[in-house]
Full PDB file with SEQRES, HELIX, SHEET, SSBOND, CRYST1, ORIGX, SCALE, CONECT and MASTER records, all heavy atoms in Angstrom:
SEQRES   1 A   35  THR THR TRP PHE SER GLY LEU GLY ASP SER VAL VAL ASP          
SEQRES   2 A   35  ILE GLY ASN PRO PHE ALA ALA SER SER THR VAL ALA ALA          
SEQRES   3 A   35  GLY GLY ALA THR GLU GLY ALA THR SER                          
HELIX    1 AA1 THR A    2  LEU A    7  1                                   6    
HELIX    2 AA2 GLY A    8  SER A   10  5                                   3    
SHEET    1 AA1 2 SER A  22  ALA A  25  0                                        
SHEET    2 AA1 2 GLY A  28  GLU A  31 -1                                        
CRYST1    1.000    1.000    1.000  90.00  90.00  90.00 P 1           1          
ORIGX1      1.000000  0.000000  0.000000        0.00000                         
ORIGX2      0.000000  1.000000  0.000000        0.00000                         
ORIGX3      0.000000  0.000000  1.000000        0.00000                         
SCALE1      1.000000  0.000000  0.000000        0.00000                         
SCALE2      0.000000  1.000000  0.000000        0.00000                         
SCALE3      0.000000  0.000000  1.000000        0.00000                         
ATOM      1  N   THR A   1       0.832  -1.205   0.000  1.00  0.00           N  
ATOM      2  CA  THR A   1       0.000   0.000   0.000  1.00  0.00           C  
ATOM      3  C   THR A   1       0.868   1.258   0.000  1.00  0.00           C  
ATOM      4  O   THR A   1       0.592   2.210  -0.732  1.00  0.00           O  
ATOM      5  CB  THR A   1      -0.951  -0.003   1.218  1.00  0.00           C  
ATOM      6  OG1 THR A   1      -1.785  -1.162   1.138  1.00  0.00           O  
ATOM      7  CG2 THR A   1      -1.813   1.241   1.261  1.00  0.00           C  
ATOM      8  N   THR A   2       1.921   1.243   0.778  1.00  0.00           N  
ATOM      9  CA  THR A   2       2.843   2.386   0.811  1.00  0.00           C  
ATOM     10  C   THR A   2       3.507   2.579  -0.543  1.00  0.00           C  
ATOM     11  O   THR A   2       3.627   3.704  -1.046  1.00  0.00           O  
ATOM     12  CB  THR A   2       3.904   2.175   1.911  1.00  0.00           C  
ATOM     13  OG1 THR A   2       3.243   2.086   3.175  1.00  0.00           O  
ATOM     14  CG2 THR A   2       4.912   3.314   1.934  1.00  0.00           C  
ATOM     15  N   TRP A   3       3.927   1.481  -1.175  1.00  0.00           N  
ATOM     16  CA  TRP A   3       4.568   1.580  -2.485  1.00  0.00           C  
ATOM     17  C   TRP A   3       3.600   2.146  -3.517  1.00  0.00           C  
ATOM     18  O   TRP A   3       3.945   3.054  -4.281  1.00  0.00           O  
ATOM     19  CB  TRP A   3       5.103   0.214  -2.919  1.00  0.00           C  
ATOM     20  CG  TRP A   3       5.761   0.245  -4.263  1.00  0.00           C  
ATOM     21  CD1 TRP A   3       6.932   0.881  -4.593  1.00  0.00           C  
ATOM     22  CD2 TRP A   3       5.284  -0.357  -5.463  1.00  0.00           C  
ATOM     23  NE1 TRP A   3       7.205   0.696  -5.933  1.00  0.00           N  
ATOM     24  CE2 TRP A   3       6.203  -0.062  -6.486  1.00  0.00           C  
ATOM     25  CE3 TRP A   3       4.176  -1.127  -5.778  1.00  0.00           C  
ATOM     26  CZ2 TRP A   3       6.055  -0.507  -7.790  1.00  0.00           C  
ATOM     27  CZ3 TRP A   3       4.023  -1.580  -7.084  1.00  0.00           C  
ATOM     28  CH2 TRP A   3       4.959  -1.269  -8.062  1.00  0.00           C  
ATOM     29  N   PHE A   4       2.371   1.620  -3.539  1.00  0.00           N  
ATOM     30  CA  PHE A   4       1.377   2.141  -4.481  1.00  0.00           C  
ATOM     31  C   PHE A   4       1.101   3.616  -4.229  1.00  0.00           C  
ATOM     32  O   PHE A   4       0.934   4.394  -5.177  1.00  0.00           O  
ATOM     33  CB  PHE A   4       0.076   1.345  -4.419  1.00  0.00           C  
ATOM     34  CG  PHE A   4       0.114   0.065  -5.205  1.00  0.00           C  
ATOM     35  CD1 PHE A   4      -0.075  -1.149  -4.585  1.00  0.00           C  
ATOM     36  CD2 PHE A   4       0.330   0.072  -6.572  1.00  0.00           C  
ATOM     37  CE1 PHE A   4      -0.041  -2.338  -5.303  1.00  0.00           C  
ATOM     38  CE2 PHE A   4       0.367  -1.101  -7.313  1.00  0.00           C  
ATOM     39  CZ  PHE A   4       0.182  -2.309  -6.671  1.00  0.00           C  
ATOM     40  N   SER A   5       1.051   4.031  -2.983  1.00  0.00           N  
ATOM     41  CA  SER A   5       0.826   5.443  -2.657  1.00  0.00           C  
ATOM     42  C   SER A   5       1.920   6.316  -3.257  1.00  0.00           C  
ATOM     43  O   SER A   5       1.652   7.421  -3.731  1.00  0.00           O  
ATOM     44  CB  SER A   5       0.778   5.648  -1.144  1.00  0.00           C  
ATOM     45  OG  SER A   5      -0.336   4.996  -0.597  1.00  0.00           O  
ATOM     46  N   GLY A   6       3.150   5.812  -3.263  1.00  0.00           N  
ATOM     47  CA  GLY A   6       4.265   6.547  -3.837  1.00  0.00           C  
ATOM     48  C   GLY A   6       4.174   6.713  -5.346  1.00  0.00           C  
ATOM     49  O   GLY A   6       4.773   7.625  -5.914  1.00  0.00           O  
ATOM     50  N   LEU A   7       3.401   5.845  -6.003  1.00  0.00           N  
ATOM     51  CA  LEU A   7       3.216   5.966  -7.455  1.00  0.00           C  
ATOM     52  C   LEU A   7       2.178   7.025  -7.814  1.00  0.00           C  
ATOM     53  O   LEU A   7       2.089   7.447  -8.967  1.00  0.00           O  
ATOM     54  CB  LEU A   7       2.801   4.614  -8.056  1.00  0.00           C  
ATOM     55  CG  LEU A   7       3.846   3.509  -7.985  1.00  0.00           C  
ATOM     56  CD1 LEU A   7       3.264   2.198  -8.512  1.00  0.00           C  
ATOM     57  CD2 LEU A   7       5.102   3.882  -8.750  1.00  0.00           C  
ATOM     58  N   GLY A   8       1.397   7.451  -6.827  1.00  0.00           N  
ATOM     59  CA  GLY A   8       0.444   8.537  -7.018  1.00  0.00           C  
ATOM     60  C   GLY A   8      -0.576   8.294  -8.110  1.00  0.00           C  
ATOM     61  O   GLY A   8      -1.118   7.202  -8.258  1.00  0.00           O  
ATOM     62  N   ASP A   9      -0.818   9.357  -8.911  1.00  0.00           N  
ATOM     63  CA  ASP A   9      -1.844   9.331  -9.953  1.00  0.00           C  
ATOM     64  C   ASP A   9      -1.516   8.404 -11.121  1.00  0.00           C  
ATOM     65  O   ASP A   9      -2.371   8.177 -11.967  1.00  0.00           O  
ATOM     66  CB  ASP A   9      -2.063  10.741 -10.520  1.00  0.00           C  
ATOM     67  CG  ASP A   9      -2.696  11.669  -9.501  1.00  0.00           C  
ATOM     68  OD1 ASP A   9      -3.257  11.167  -8.508  1.00  0.00           O  
ATOM     69  OD2 ASP A   9      -2.633  12.889  -9.707  1.00  0.00           O  
ATOM     70  N   SER A  10      -0.291   7.887 -11.177  1.00  0.00           N  
ATOM     71  CA  SER A  10       0.047   7.013 -12.301  1.00  0.00           C  
ATOM     72  C   SER A  10      -0.631   5.646 -12.187  1.00  0.00           C  
ATOM     73  O   SER A  10      -0.724   4.918 -13.174  1.00  0.00           O  
ATOM     74  CB  SER A  10       1.563   6.847 -12.435  1.00  0.00           C  
ATOM     75  OG  SER A  10       2.098   6.193 -11.309  1.00  0.00           O  
ATOM     76  N   VAL A  11      -1.144   5.295 -11.009  1.00  0.00           N  
ATOM     77  CA  VAL A  11      -1.805   4.000 -10.836  1.00  0.00           C  
ATOM     78  C   VAL A  11      -3.200   4.060 -11.456  1.00  0.00           C  
ATOM     79  O   VAL A  11      -4.040   4.856 -11.064  1.00  0.00           O  
ATOM     80  CB  VAL A  11      -1.905   3.606  -9.350  1.00  0.00           C  
ATOM     81  CG1 VAL A  11      -2.659   2.282  -9.202  1.00  0.00           C  
ATOM     82  CG2 VAL A  11      -0.522   3.509  -8.732  1.00  0.00           C  
ATOM     83  N   VAL A  12      -3.431   3.211 -12.464  1.00  0.00           N  
ATOM     84  CA  VAL A  12      -4.736   3.092 -13.112  1.00  0.00           C  
ATOM     85  C   VAL A  12      -5.559   2.029 -12.396  1.00  0.00           C  
ATOM     86  O   VAL A  12      -6.742   2.203 -12.121  1.00  0.00           O  
ATOM     87  CB  VAL A  12      -4.575   2.711 -14.607  1.00  0.00           C  
ATOM     88  CG1 VAL A  12      -5.920   2.450 -15.264  1.00  0.00           C  
ATOM     89  CG2 VAL A  12      -3.793   3.785 -15.349  1.00  0.00           C  
ATOM     90  N   ASP A  13      -4.919   0.898 -12.102  1.00  0.00           N  
ATOM     91  CA  ASP A  13      -5.573  -0.238 -11.456  1.00  0.00           C  
ATOM     92  C   ASP A  13      -4.527  -0.928 -10.585  1.00  0.00           C  
ATOM     93  O   ASP A  13      -3.544  -1.460 -11.111  1.00  0.00           O  
ATOM     94  CB  ASP A  13      -6.115  -1.195 -12.525  1.00  0.00           C  
ATOM     95  CG  ASP A  13      -6.827  -2.417 -11.977  1.00  0.00           C  
ATOM     96  OD1 ASP A  13      -6.864  -2.615 -10.748  1.00  0.00           O  
ATOM     97  OD2 ASP A  13      -7.344  -3.193 -12.798  1.00  0.00           O  
ATOM     98  N   ILE A  14      -4.729  -0.898  -9.272  1.00  0.00           N  
ATOM     99  CA  ILE A  14      -3.787  -1.559  -8.369  1.00  0.00           C  
ATOM    100  C   ILE A  14      -3.660  -3.027  -8.742  1.00  0.00           C  
ATOM    101  O   ILE A  14      -2.616  -3.624  -8.595  1.00  0.00           O  
ATOM    102  CB  ILE A  14      -4.222  -1.396  -6.902  1.00  0.00           C  
ATOM    103  CG1 ILE A  14      -3.960   0.035  -6.453  1.00  0.00           C  
ATOM    104  CG2 ILE A  14      -3.499  -2.363  -5.993  1.00  0.00           C  
ATOM    105  CD1 ILE A  14      -4.462   0.344  -5.064  1.00  0.00           C  
ATOM    106  N   GLY A  15      -4.724  -3.610  -9.262  1.00  0.00           N  
ATOM    107  CA  GLY A  15      -4.689  -4.996  -9.696  1.00  0.00           C  
ATOM    108  C   GLY A  15      -5.066  -5.950  -8.580  1.00  0.00           C  
ATOM    109  O   GLY A  15      -5.669  -5.567  -7.585  1.00  0.00           O  
ATOM    110  N   ASN A  16      -4.659  -7.189  -8.760  1.00  0.00           N  
ATOM    111  CA  ASN A  16      -4.964  -8.250  -7.812  1.00  0.00           C  
ATOM    112  C   ASN A  16      -3.893  -9.322  -7.883  1.00  0.00           C  
ATOM    113  O   ASN A  16      -3.266  -9.513  -8.921  1.00  0.00           O  
ATOM    114  CB  ASN A  16      -6.309  -8.919  -8.167  1.00  0.00           C  
ATOM    115  CG  ASN A  16      -7.479  -8.018  -7.905  1.00  0.00           C  
ATOM    116  OD1 ASN A  16      -7.788  -7.709  -6.777  1.00  0.00           O  
ATOM    117  ND2 ASN A  16      -8.125  -7.594  -8.976  1.00  0.00           N  
ATOM    118  N   PRO A  17      -3.746 -10.069  -6.789  1.00  0.00           N  
ATOM    119  CA  PRO A  17      -2.904 -11.257  -6.865  1.00  0.00           C  
ATOM    120  C   PRO A  17      -3.666 -12.353  -7.605  1.00  0.00           C  
ATOM    121  O   PRO A  17      -4.901 -12.320  -7.678  1.00  0.00           O  
ATOM    122  CB  PRO A  17      -2.673 -11.633  -5.400  1.00  0.00           C  
ATOM    123  CG  PRO A  17      -3.761 -10.978  -4.637  1.00  0.00           C  
ATOM    124  CD  PRO A  17      -4.211  -9.791  -5.433  1.00  0.00           C  
ATOM    125  N   PHE A  18      -2.938 -13.302  -8.151  1.00  0.00           N  
ATOM    126  CA  PHE A  18      -3.555 -14.423  -8.845  1.00  0.00           C  
ATOM    127  C   PHE A  18      -3.747 -15.591  -7.891  1.00  0.00           C  
ATOM    128  O   PHE A  18      -2.967 -15.787  -6.967  1.00  0.00           O  
ATOM    129  CB  PHE A  18      -2.692 -14.884 -10.023  1.00  0.00           C  
ATOM    130  CG  PHE A  18      -2.523 -13.853 -11.102  1.00  0.00           C  
ATOM    131  CD1 PHE A  18      -1.328 -13.762 -11.786  1.00  0.00           C  
ATOM    132  CD2 PHE A  18      -3.540 -12.979 -11.445  1.00  0.00           C  
ATOM    133  CE1 PHE A  18      -1.149 -12.820 -12.800  1.00  0.00           C  
ATOM    134  CE2 PHE A  18      -3.371 -12.041 -12.448  1.00  0.00           C  
ATOM    135  CZ  PHE A  18      -2.174 -11.962 -13.131  1.00  0.00           C  
ATOM    136  N   ALA A  19      -4.769 -16.404  -8.155  1.00  0.00           N  
ATOM    137  CA  ALA A  19      -5.031 -17.618  -7.386  1.00  0.00           C  
ATOM    138  C   ALA A  19      -4.890 -18.811  -8.330  1.00  0.00           C  
ATOM    139  O   ALA A  19      -3.916 -18.903  -9.063  1.00  0.00           O  
ATOM    140  CB  ALA A  19      -6.417 -17.555  -6.745  1.00  0.00           C  
ATOM    141  N   ALA A  20      -5.864 -19.689  -8.342  1.00  0.00           N  
ATOM    142  CA  ALA A  20      -5.834 -20.877  -9.196  1.00  0.00           C  
ATOM    143  C   ALA A  20      -5.693 -20.464 -10.661  1.00  0.00           C  
ATOM    144  O   ALA A  20      -6.111 -19.376 -11.057  1.00  0.00           O  
ATOM    145  CB  ALA A  20      -7.105 -21.690  -9.001  1.00  0.00           C  
ATOM    146  N   SER A  21      -5.109 -21.354 -11.461  1.00  0.00           N  
ATOM    147  CA  SER A  21      -4.897 -21.020 -12.866  1.00  0.00           C  
ATOM    148  C   SER A  21      -5.152 -22.229 -13.761  1.00  0.00           C  
ATOM    149  O   SER A  21      -5.194 -23.366 -13.296  1.00  0.00           O  
ATOM    150  CB  SER A  21      -3.465 -20.523 -13.088  1.00  0.00           C  
ATOM    151  OG  SER A  21      -2.557 -21.563 -12.821  1.00  0.00           O  
ATOM    152  N   SER A  22      -5.313 -21.933 -15.031  1.00  0.00           N  
ATOM    153  CA  SER A  22      -5.495 -22.950 -16.058  1.00  0.00           C  
ATOM    154  C   SER A  22      -4.809 -22.455 -17.315  1.00  0.00           C  
ATOM    155  O   SER A  22      -4.895 -21.275 -17.647  1.00  0.00           O  
ATOM    156  CB  SER A  22      -6.994 -23.168 -16.323  1.00  0.00           C  
ATOM    157  OG  SER A  22      -7.198 -24.139 -17.306  1.00  0.00           O  
ATOM    158  N   THR A  23      -4.096 -23.337 -17.998  1.00  0.00           N  
ATOM    159  CA  THR A  23      -3.454 -22.996 -19.262  1.00  0.00           C  
ATOM    160  C   THR A  23      -4.267 -23.618 -20.389  1.00  0.00           C  
ATOM    161  O   THR A  23      -4.540 -24.817 -20.367  1.00  0.00           O  
ATOM    162  CB  THR A  23      -2.008 -23.519 -19.304  1.00  0.00           C  
ATOM    163  OG1 THR A  23      -1.271 -22.917 -18.247  1.00  0.00           O  
ATOM    164  CG2 THR A  23      -1.351 -23.191 -20.640  1.00  0.00           C  
ATOM    165  N   VAL A  24      -4.654 -22.801 -21.357  1.00  0.00           N  
ATOM    166  CA  VAL A  24      -5.455 -23.276 -22.477  1.00  0.00           C  
ATOM    167  C   VAL A  24      -4.580 -23.288 -23.721  1.00  0.00           C  
ATOM    168  O   VAL A  24      -3.953 -22.288 -24.062  1.00  0.00           O  
ATOM    169  CB  VAL A  24      -6.696 -22.367 -22.704  1.00  0.00           C  
ATOM    170  CG1 VAL A  24      -7.509 -22.878 -23.880  1.00  0.00           C  
ATOM    171  CG2 VAL A  24      -7.534 -22.290 -21.430  1.00  0.00           C  
ATOM    172  N   ALA A  25      -4.537 -24.434 -24.390  1.00  0.00           N  
ATOM    173  CA  ALA A  25      -3.794 -24.599 -25.638  1.00  0.00           C  
ATOM    174  C   ALA A  25      -4.698 -25.330 -26.620  1.00  0.00           C  
ATOM    175  O   ALA A  25      -5.832 -25.692 -26.285  1.00  0.00           O  
ATOM    176  CB  ALA A  25      -2.505 -25.380 -25.391  1.00  0.00           C  
ATOM    177  N   ALA A  26      -4.209 -25.556 -27.821  1.00  0.00           N  
ATOM    178  CA  ALA A  26      -5.013 -26.208 -28.860  1.00  0.00           C  
ATOM    179  C   ALA A  26      -5.549 -27.562 -28.395  1.00  0.00           C  
ATOM    180  O   ALA A  26      -6.627 -27.973 -28.785  1.00  0.00           O  
ATOM    181  CB  ALA A  26      -4.198 -26.371 -30.136  1.00  0.00           C  
ATOM    182  N   GLY A  27      -4.820 -28.253 -27.538  1.00  0.00           N  
ATOM    183  CA  GLY A  27      -5.232 -29.564 -27.066  1.00  0.00           C  
ATOM    184  C   GLY A  27      -6.195 -29.534 -25.889  1.00  0.00           C  
ATOM    185  O   GLY A  27      -6.603 -30.575 -25.393  1.00  0.00           O  
ATOM    186  N   GLY A  28      -6.534 -28.355 -25.410  1.00  0.00           N  
ATOM    187  CA  GLY A  28      -7.452 -28.240 -24.275  1.00  0.00           C  
ATOM    188  C   GLY A  28      -6.827 -27.466 -23.132  1.00  0.00           C  
ATOM    189  O   GLY A  28      -5.789 -26.834 -23.281  1.00  0.00           O  
ATOM    190  N   ALA A  29      -7.483 -27.533 -21.990  1.00  0.00           N  
ATOM    191  CA  ALA A  29      -7.055 -26.775 -20.816  1.00  0.00           C  
ATOM    192  C   ALA A  29      -6.384 -27.694 -19.806  1.00  0.00           C  
ATOM    193  O   ALA A  29      -6.769 -28.846 -19.642  1.00  0.00           O  
ATOM    194  CB  ALA A  29      -8.244 -26.084 -20.179  1.00  0.00           C  
ATOM    195  N   THR A  30      -5.366 -27.158 -19.139  1.00  0.00           N  
ATOM    196  CA  THR A  30      -4.666 -27.864 -18.076  1.00  0.00           C  
ATOM    197  C   THR A  30      -4.700 -26.991 -16.840  1.00  0.00           C  
ATOM    198  O   THR A  30      -4.219 -25.854 -16.873  1.00  0.00           O  
ATOM    199  CB  THR A  30      -3.200 -28.138 -18.468  1.00  0.00           C  
ATOM    200  OG1 THR A  30      -3.176 -28.851 -19.701  1.00  0.00           O  
ATOM    201  CG2 THR A  30      -2.484 -28.923 -17.403  1.00  0.00           C  
ATOM    202  N   GLU A  31      -5.273 -27.500 -15.770  1.00  0.00           N  
ATOM    203  CA  GLU A  31      -5.304 -26.729 -14.521  1.00  0.00           C  
ATOM    204  C   GLU A  31      -3.962 -26.805 -13.830  1.00  0.00           C  
ATOM    205  O   GLU A  31      -3.188 -27.730 -14.038  1.00  0.00           O  
ATOM    206  CB  GLU A  31      -6.420 -27.241 -13.620  1.00  0.00           C  
ATOM    207  CG  GLU A  31      -7.784 -26.903 -14.171  1.00  0.00           C  
ATOM    208  CD  GLU A  31      -8.896 -27.160 -13.183  1.00  0.00           C  
ATOM    209  OE1 GLU A  31      -8.643 -27.162 -11.968  1.00  0.00           O  
ATOM    210  OE2 GLU A  31     -10.027 -27.363 -13.645  1.00  0.00           O  
ATOM    211  N   GLY A  32      -3.709 -25.798 -12.990  1.00  0.00           N  
ATOM    212  CA  GLY A  32      -2.462 -25.780 -12.240  1.00  0.00           C  
ATOM    213  C   GLY A  32      -1.274 -25.426 -13.096  1.00  0.00           C  
ATOM    214  O   GLY A  32      -0.248 -26.099 -13.071  1.00  0.00           O  
ATOM    215  N   ALA A  33      -1.397 -24.372 -13.875  1.00  0.00           N  
ATOM    216  CA  ALA A  33      -0.317 -23.941 -14.765  1.00  0.00           C  
ATOM    217  C   ALA A  33       0.984 -23.772 -13.978  1.00  0.00           C  
ATOM    218  O   ALA A  33       0.972 -23.502 -12.783  1.00  0.00           O  
ATOM    219  CB  ALA A  33      -0.696 -22.639 -15.447  1.00  0.00           C  
ATOM    220  N   THR A  34       2.093 -23.918 -14.658  1.00  0.00           N  
ATOM    221  CA  THR A  34       3.401 -23.838 -14.005  1.00  0.00           C  
ATOM    222  C   THR A  34       3.956 -22.417 -13.962  1.00  0.00           C  
ATOM    223  O   THR A  34       5.063 -22.213 -13.512  1.00  0.00           O  
ATOM    224  CB  THR A  34       4.413 -24.745 -14.725  1.00  0.00           C  
ATOM    225  OG1 THR A  34       4.508 -24.329 -16.081  1.00  0.00           O  
ATOM    226  CG2 THR A  34       3.992 -26.198 -14.646  1.00  0.00           C  
ATOM    227  N   SER A  35       3.195 -21.451 -14.396  1.00  0.00           N  
ATOM    228  CA  SER A  35       3.656 -20.063 -14.386  1.00  0.00           C  
ATOM    229  C   SER A  35       3.914 -19.598 -12.954  1.00  0.00           C  
ATOM    230  O   SER A  35       3.238 -19.999 -12.021  1.00  0.00           O  
ATOM    231  CB  SER A  35       2.587 -19.160 -15.027  1.00  0.00           C  
ATOM    232  OG  SER A  35       2.954 -17.811 -14.867  1.00  0.00           O  
TER     233      SER A  35                                                      
MASTER        0    0    0    2    2    0    0    6  232    1    0    3          
END                                                                             
């Protein structure tokens, strides 16, 4: 929060952390991506 405050008006969207994931490729989706 302190770091974001230092960025001031340049912050458009603080964003969010990521949770569960799925990787989609031509062969279908795989849960638990390795990213």
